[in-house]
Amino acid sequence: MTEKLYDVTALGEILIDFTEWGFSDDGARLFAQNPGGAVANVAAAVARLGGRAAFVGKVGADMHGTFLRQTLQEAGVDVSGVATDAERFTTLAFVKLAENGERSFSFARYDAADTNLRWEEVPRTLLTDTRVLSVGTLGMTDEPMRTTQLRCIETAKAAGAYIAVDPNYRATLWRSEGDFLRQTERLLELADYVKLSDEETALVTGCTDPEKALEALERRGVRTAVVTRDKDGAMALSGGQLVRAAGVPAVAVDATGAGDAFWGGFLYKVSTAEKHLDELTQEDLKEFARFGNAVASLCVEKKGAIPAMPELAQVERRIAK
């Protein structure tokens, strides 16, 4: 593969996850300020593994925006593509955790900074000098970010980058389910790699069975499709080749960012494999998925998303067990 400055550039939302953190002495519910946002989590995962990652997005000129920029920098992510909006706030998500670590969200995102990224604010090198451009569907909820994201994808694709899409459905952030599906379809038409969670397969493909969902994505032109299945691991389909990678045992504390951790690990392996997509074998795909499972298993053992992303040595030890 042609040498590129970045392994993965991630484009889209970055926000604060205010995650439940118990109660104060007088019974008030406490929330911890954790950096998050699906695509930002992917960039951090890649960087923590030792990959060359960049992030493109927008934050407010507030304490949360400053915190997010600093957090990405500390994780090793290039933040030259993070714009600041002096008139809008940084997106906030309040996260309620169930006993099994699963979570539900309440968002403060109306006219927020991340939805107002403009094309002229995006450094072109971050798009033209990367092996993979990773995006999500939340970049398609509002203008001008929607148009900006599509132009970024077209630019990166023209420069030879693979496009990785994670359809991340949050019902309260969309005008309707139909709007989500229309915008997701636009991304699928441009995608090389797509990841779905078990919960999203029926919504995006109409198939509840993960294998049939993968086949549906392949029929739409997706070259490599992945479905994550929590503790049951992951399945991937590429060029008609189906592989299954068993889950990696973990003691789950917080599932926030688990899918993003998997995707970051998977894309890290894709970008560092020095193979074209058409050259990937079944063993390659299984290795990538197994690696992603290990990254996710380590992530869920800590609270938060970006702070929980593991380093390469930790992942290698987990796989070796």
Protein backbone atom coordinates (compact mmCIF):
# COMPACT_ATOMS: atom_id res chain seq x y z
CA MET A 1 0.00 0.00 0.00
CA THR A 2 1.08 3.59 -0.64
CA GLU A 3 2.58 5.18 2.46
CA LYS A 4 0.23 7.64 4.14
CA LEU A 5 0.72 10.10 6.97
CA TYR A 6 -2.25 8.72 8.93
CA ASP A 7 -3.55 5.21 9.45
CA VAL A 8 -7.05 6.39 10.36
CA THR A 9 -8.75 9.77 10.24
CA ALA A 10 -12.04 9.86 12.14
CA LEU A 11 -14.69 12.43 11.22
CA GLY A 12 -17.80 13.37 13.16
CA GLU A 13 -19.13 13.91 16.66
CA ILE A 14 -17.15 14.48 19.81
CA LEU A 15 -18.95 15.04 23.09
CA ILE A 16 -19.04 14.67 26.83
CA ASP A 17 -20.55 11.53 28.33
CA PHE A 18 -21.80 12.38 31.81
CA THR A 19 -21.87 8.84 33.16
CA GLU A 20 -23.66 7.82 36.36
CA TRP A 21 -21.17 7.57 39.21
CA GLY A 22 -23.17 6.68 42.29
CA PHE A 23 -24.57 9.08 44.89
CA SER A 24 -23.24 11.81 47.15
CA ASP A 25 -23.46 11.53 50.93
CA ASP A 26 -26.75 13.44 50.87
CA GLY A 27 -28.28 11.19 48.18
CA ALA A 28 -27.75 13.35 45.08
CA ARG A 29 -27.00 11.41 41.88
CA LEU A 30 -23.40 11.95 40.68
CA PHE A 31 -22.15 12.01 37.08
CA ALA A 32 -18.55 11.71 35.90
CA GLN A 33 -17.33 13.85 32.99
CA ASN A 34 -16.02 11.43 30.36
CA PRO A 35 -14.88 12.28 26.83
CA GLY A 36 -16.79 10.44 24.11
CA GLY A 37 -18.50 10.41 20.73
CA ALA A 38 -18.36 7.27 18.60
CA VAL A 39 -15.91 8.45 15.94
CA ALA A 40 -13.74 10.27 18.48
CA ASN A 41 -13.60 7.01 20.43
CA VAL A 42 -12.38 5.21 17.30
CA ALA A 43 -9.59 7.75 16.78
CA ALA A 44 -8.51 7.40 20.41
CA ALA A 45 -8.59 3.60 20.21
CA VAL A 46 -6.32 3.62 17.13
CA ALA A 47 -3.90 6.09 18.71
CA ARG A 48 -3.71 4.24 22.03
CA LEU A 49 -2.80 1.10 20.08
CA GLY A 50 0.10 2.97 18.50
CA GLY A 51 -1.55 3.87 15.20
CA ARG A 52 -1.33 7.29 13.56
CA ALA A 53 -4.77 8.78 14.09
CA ALA A 54 -6.36 12.16 13.40
CA PHE A 55 -9.75 13.57 14.30
CA VAL A 56 -11.90 16.05 12.38
CA GLY A 57 -14.80 17.67 14.20
CA LYS A 58 -15.97 20.71 16.13
CA VAL A 59 -16.33 21.68 19.78
CA GLY A 60 -17.64 24.71 21.58
CA ALA A 61 -15.48 27.45 23.09
CA ASP A 62 -16.27 26.12 26.57
CA MET A 63 -14.69 24.04 29.31
CA HIS A 64 -15.94 20.83 27.70
CA GLY A 65 -14.42 21.64 24.32
CA THR A 66 -11.07 22.41 25.93
CA PHE A 67 -11.24 19.16 27.88
CA LEU A 68 -12.04 17.10 24.77
CA ARG A 69 -9.23 18.59 22.70
CA GLN A 70 -6.77 17.96 25.52
CA THR A 71 -8.00 14.38 26.01
CA LEU A 72 -7.52 13.51 22.34
CA GLN A 73 -4.05 15.04 22.37
CA GLU A 74 -3.10 13.02 25.45
CA ALA A 75 -4.33 9.86 23.69
CA GLY A 76 -1.97 10.63 20.80
CA VAL A 77 -4.56 11.87 18.29
CA ASP A 78 -3.74 14.68 15.83
CA VAL A 79 -6.25 17.45 16.70
CA SER A 80 -5.36 19.92 13.96
CA GLY A 81 -8.77 19.14 12.45
CA VAL A 82 -10.73 20.09 15.59
CA ALA A 83 -12.45 23.43 14.97
CA THR A 84 -13.90 25.65 17.72
CA ASP A 85 -17.30 27.33 17.56
CA ALA A 86 -17.51 30.52 19.62
CA GLU A 87 -21.31 30.65 19.35
CA ARG A 88 -22.36 27.06 20.11
CA PHE A 89 -21.88 24.61 22.94
CA THR A 90 -20.19 21.23 23.01
CA THR A 91 -22.61 18.29 22.78
CA LEU A 92 -23.45 16.57 26.08
CA ALA A 93 -24.82 13.06 26.67
CA PHE A 94 -26.09 11.85 30.04
CA VAL A 95 -25.57 8.10 30.38
CA LYS A 96 -27.62 5.84 32.64
CA LEU A 97 -26.04 2.47 33.35
CA ALA A 98 -27.95 -0.76 33.97
CA GLU A 99 -26.60 -3.45 36.31
CA ASN A 100 -25.23 -5.43 33.35
CA GLY A 101 -23.26 -2.41 32.09
CA GLU A 102 -25.69 -1.55 29.25
CA ARG A 103 -26.57 2.12 28.92
CA SER A 104 -29.28 4.55 27.84
CA PHE A 105 -28.72 8.13 26.71
CA SER A 106 -30.22 11.60 27.09
CA PHE A 107 -28.64 14.19 24.74
CA ALA A 108 -28.18 17.96 24.77
CA ARG A 109 -27.29 18.52 21.11
CA TYR A 110 -29.73 20.98 19.52
CA ASP A 111 -27.70 23.31 17.22
CA ALA A 112 -24.51 22.13 18.94
CA ALA A 113 -20.95 22.69 17.74
CA ASP A 114 -20.37 19.24 16.21
CA THR A 115 -23.38 19.58 13.87
CA ASN A 116 -22.06 22.89 12.52
CA LEU A 117 -18.69 21.87 11.07
CA ARG A 118 -18.22 23.62 7.71
CA TRP A 119 -16.22 22.33 4.74
CA GLU A 120 -13.85 25.30 4.81
CA GLU A 121 -12.84 24.39 8.39
CA VAL A 122 -11.51 20.94 7.42
CA PRO A 123 -7.74 20.58 6.74
CA ARG A 124 -7.54 18.72 3.41
CA THR A 125 -4.39 16.78 4.30
CA LEU A 126 -6.28 14.86 6.97
CA LEU A 127 -8.50 13.50 4.20
CA THR A 128 -6.04 12.98 1.36
CA ASP A 129 -3.18 11.50 3.40
CA THR A 130 -4.96 8.76 5.34
CA ARG A 131 -5.46 5.07 4.66
CA VAL A 132 -8.90 4.93 6.27
CA LEU A 133 -11.57 7.58 6.83
CA SER A 134 -13.92 6.47 9.62
CA VAL A 135 -17.36 8.11 9.85
CA GLY A 136 -20.69 7.52 11.57
CA THR A 137 -24.30 8.31 10.88
CA LEU A 138 -24.56 11.03 13.54
CA GLY A 139 -22.63 13.26 11.17
CA MET A 140 -25.68 13.07 8.89
CA THR A 141 -28.38 14.33 11.28
CA ASP A 142 -28.05 18.06 10.55
CA GLU A 143 -26.66 20.65 8.17
CA PRO A 144 -24.04 21.94 7.56
CA MET A 145 -22.27 18.86 8.97
CA ARG A 146 -24.14 16.51 6.63
CA THR A 147 -22.83 18.21 3.48
CA THR A 148 -19.37 18.59 5.03
CA GLN A 149 -19.20 14.88 5.83
CA LEU A 150 -20.22 13.85 2.32
CA ARG A 151 -17.61 16.17 0.76
CA CYS A 152 -14.95 14.79 3.10
CA ILE A 153 -15.82 11.21 2.12
CA GLU A 154 -15.68 12.04 -1.58
CA THR A 155 -12.31 13.79 -1.14
CA ALA A 156 -10.76 10.97 0.87
CA LYS A 157 -12.10 8.29 -1.47
CA ALA A 158 -10.71 10.11 -4.50
CA ALA A 159 -7.31 10.14 -2.79
CA GLY A 160 -7.40 6.37 -2.32
CA ALA A 161 -8.64 6.04 1.26
CA TYR A 162 -10.97 3.28 2.37
CA ILE A 163 -14.25 4.53 3.85
CA ALA A 164 -15.38 2.89 7.10
CA VAL A 165 -18.96 3.47 8.27
CA ASP A 166 -20.55 2.70 11.63
CA PRO A 167 -24.36 3.25 11.56
CA ASN A 168 -24.89 4.42 15.14
CA TYR A 169 -28.63 4.80 15.80
CA ARG A 170 -29.79 7.13 18.57
CA ALA A 171 -33.53 7.63 18.09
CA THR A 172 -33.80 10.97 19.89
CA LEU A 173 -31.25 12.58 17.55
CA TRP A 174 -33.20 11.86 14.37
CA ARG A 175 -36.40 13.41 13.03
CA SER A 176 -37.64 9.92 12.23
CA GLU A 177 -36.46 6.37 11.68
CA GLY A 178 -36.98 6.91 7.96
CA ASP A 179 -34.62 9.89 8.00
CA PHE A 180 -31.96 7.74 9.65
CA LEU A 181 -32.38 5.02 7.04
CA ARG A 182 -32.22 7.47 4.10
CA GLN A 183 -29.02 9.08 5.35
CA THR A 184 -27.48 5.72 6.27
CA GLU A 185 -28.13 4.47 2.74
CA ARG A 186 -26.17 7.43 1.35
CA LEU A 187 -23.18 6.36 3.45
CA LEU A 188 -23.49 2.67 2.62
CA GLU A 189 -23.25 3.53 -1.08
CA LEU A 190 -19.81 5.05 -0.41
CA ALA A 191 -18.54 2.53 2.16
CA ASP A 192 -15.78 -0.06 1.88
CA TYR A 193 -16.04 -1.26 5.49
CA VAL A 194 -19.24 -1.28 7.55
CA LYS A 195 -19.83 -2.34 11.15
CA LEU A 196 -23.24 -3.08 12.64
CA SER A 197 -24.12 -4.06 16.17
CA ASP A 198 -26.55 -6.90 16.82
CA GLU A 199 -29.23 -4.34 17.71
CA GLU A 200 -28.85 -2.46 14.42
CA THR A 201 -28.92 -5.33 11.92
CA ALA A 202 -32.70 -5.49 11.59
CA LEU A 203 -33.09 -1.71 11.37
CA VAL A 204 -30.38 -1.17 8.74
CA THR A 205 -30.74 -4.35 6.65
CA GLY A 206 -34.18 -5.76 7.49
CA CYS A 207 -32.52 -9.00 8.65
CA THR A 208 -32.38 -10.10 12.28
CA ASP A 209 -30.02 -12.99 11.49
CA PRO A 210 -26.46 -11.58 11.50
CA GLU A 211 -25.28 -13.76 8.60
CA LYS A 212 -28.18 -12.63 6.42
CA ALA A 213 -27.52 -9.04 7.46
CA LEU A 214 -23.92 -9.36 6.28
CA GLU A 215 -25.08 -10.81 2.98
CA ALA A 216 -27.54 -7.93 2.57
CA LEU A 217 -24.73 -5.40 3.05
CA GLU A 218 -22.55 -7.24 0.54
CA ARG A 219 -25.37 -7.11 -2.02
CA ARG A 220 -25.46 -3.35 -1.54
CA GLY A 221 -21.81 -3.14 -2.55
CA VAL A 222 -20.11 -3.07 0.86
CA ARG A 223 -16.79 -4.81 0.39
CA THR A 224 -16.24 -5.91 4.01
CA ALA A 225 -19.12 -6.05 6.49
CA VAL A 226 -18.92 -6.82 10.21
CA VAL A 227 -21.53 -7.52 12.87
CA THR A 228 -20.53 -7.30 16.53
CA ARG A 229 -22.38 -9.62 18.91
CA ASP A 230 -21.30 -8.52 22.40
CA LYS A 231 -19.99 -11.51 24.40
CA ASP A 232 -20.51 -13.77 21.37
CA GLY A 233 -17.78 -11.98 19.44
CA ALA A 234 -18.09 -10.85 15.84
CA MET A 235 -18.79 -12.06 12.32
CA ALA A 236 -17.30 -10.64 9.11
CA LEU A 237 -18.02 -11.14 5.42
CA SER A 238 -15.71 -10.08 2.61
CA GLY A 239 -15.63 -11.32 -0.97
CA GLY A 240 -18.10 -14.05 -0.09
CA GLN A 241 -15.86 -15.29 2.74
CA LEU A 242 -17.59 -15.52 6.14
CA VAL A 243 -15.58 -15.69 9.34
CA ARG A 244 -16.51 -15.88 13.01
CA ALA A 245 -14.35 -14.65 15.86
CA ALA A 246 -15.23 -15.79 19.37
CA GLY A 247 -15.78 -13.23 22.08
CA VAL A 248 -13.06 -12.47 24.62
CA PRO A 249 -14.21 -12.89 28.24
CA ALA A 250 -14.44 -9.72 30.31
CA VAL A 251 -15.90 -8.48 33.58
CA ALA A 252 -18.12 -5.70 32.23
CA VAL A 253 -18.33 -2.47 34.22
CA ASP A 254 -19.44 -0.02 31.52
CA ALA A 255 -20.34 -0.88 27.91
CA THR A 256 -19.92 2.73 26.76
CA GLY A 257 -17.54 2.77 23.80
CA ALA A 258 -17.30 -1.03 23.47
CA GLY A 259 -18.37 -1.08 19.82
CA ASP A 260 -16.08 1.84 19.05
CA ALA A 261 -13.19 0.06 20.77
CA PHE A 262 -13.83 -2.98 18.57
CA TRP A 263 -13.98 -0.83 15.44
CA GLY A 264 -10.84 1.07 16.36
CA GLY A 265 -9.01 -2.22 16.87
CA PHE A 266 -10.34 -3.67 13.63
CA LEU A 267 -9.43 -0.57 11.59
CA TYR A 268 -6.01 -0.42 13.23
CA LYS A 269 -5.34 -3.91 11.89
CA VAL A 270 -6.78 -2.98 8.47
CA SER A 271 -4.58 0.09 8.15
CA THR A 272 -1.38 -1.55 9.36
CA ALA A 273 -1.77 -4.80 7.42
CA GLU A 274 -0.12 -3.32 4.29
CA LYS A 275 -2.59 -5.20 2.12
CA HIS A 276 -5.22 -3.96 -0.28
CA LEU A 277 -8.77 -4.86 0.66
CA ASP A 278 -9.02 -7.40 -2.15
CA GLU A 279 -5.93 -9.20 -0.82
CA LEU A 280 -7.37 -9.92 2.64
CA THR A 281 -7.80 -13.62 3.45
CA GLN A 282 -10.22 -15.36 5.79
CA GLU A 283 -7.42 -15.65 8.32
CA ASP A 284 -6.76 -11.91 8.08
CA LEU A 285 -10.40 -11.09 8.73
CA LYS A 286 -10.60 -13.49 11.64
CA GLU A 287 -7.43 -12.03 13.13
CA PHE A 288 -8.76 -8.46 12.75
CA ALA A 289 -12.09 -9.37 14.37
CA ARG A 290 -10.42 -11.30 17.19
CA PHE A 291 -8.16 -8.32 17.84
CA GLY A 292 -11.16 -5.99 17.90
CA ASN A 293 -12.92 -8.29 20.36
CA ALA A 294 -9.90 -8.14 22.67
CA VAL A 295 -9.79 -4.32 22.51
CA ALA A 296 -13.50 -4.16 23.36
CA SER A 297 -13.13 -6.65 26.23
CA LEU A 298 -10.55 -4.40 27.88
CA CYS A 299 -12.60 -1.26 27.27
CA VAL A 300 -15.72 -2.53 29.07
CA GLU A 301 -13.72 -3.30 32.21
CA LYS A 302 -13.36 0.43 32.94
CA LYS A 303 -15.84 3.31 33.09
CA GLY A 304 -16.03 5.83 30.27
CA ALA A 305 -14.99 5.44 26.65
CA ILE A 306 -11.76 7.20 25.63
CA PRO A 307 -10.14 6.76 29.09
CA ALA A 308 -10.82 3.02 28.86
CA MET A 309 -9.14 2.42 25.49
CA PRO A 310 -6.24 -0.03 25.96
CA GLU A 311 -2.67 0.01 24.70
CA LEU A 312 -1.29 -2.57 22.27
CA ALA A 313 0.64 -4.54 24.91
CA GLN A 314 -2.54 -4.99 26.97
CA VAL A 315 -4.42 -6.30 23.95
CA GLU A 316 -1.65 -8.70 23.03
CA ARG A 317 -1.60 -10.10 26.57
CA ARG A 318 -5.37 -10.53 26.52
CA ILE A 319 -5.23 -12.39 23.19
CA ALA A 320 -2.41 -14.63 24.43
CA LYS A 321 -4.44 -15.87 27.40
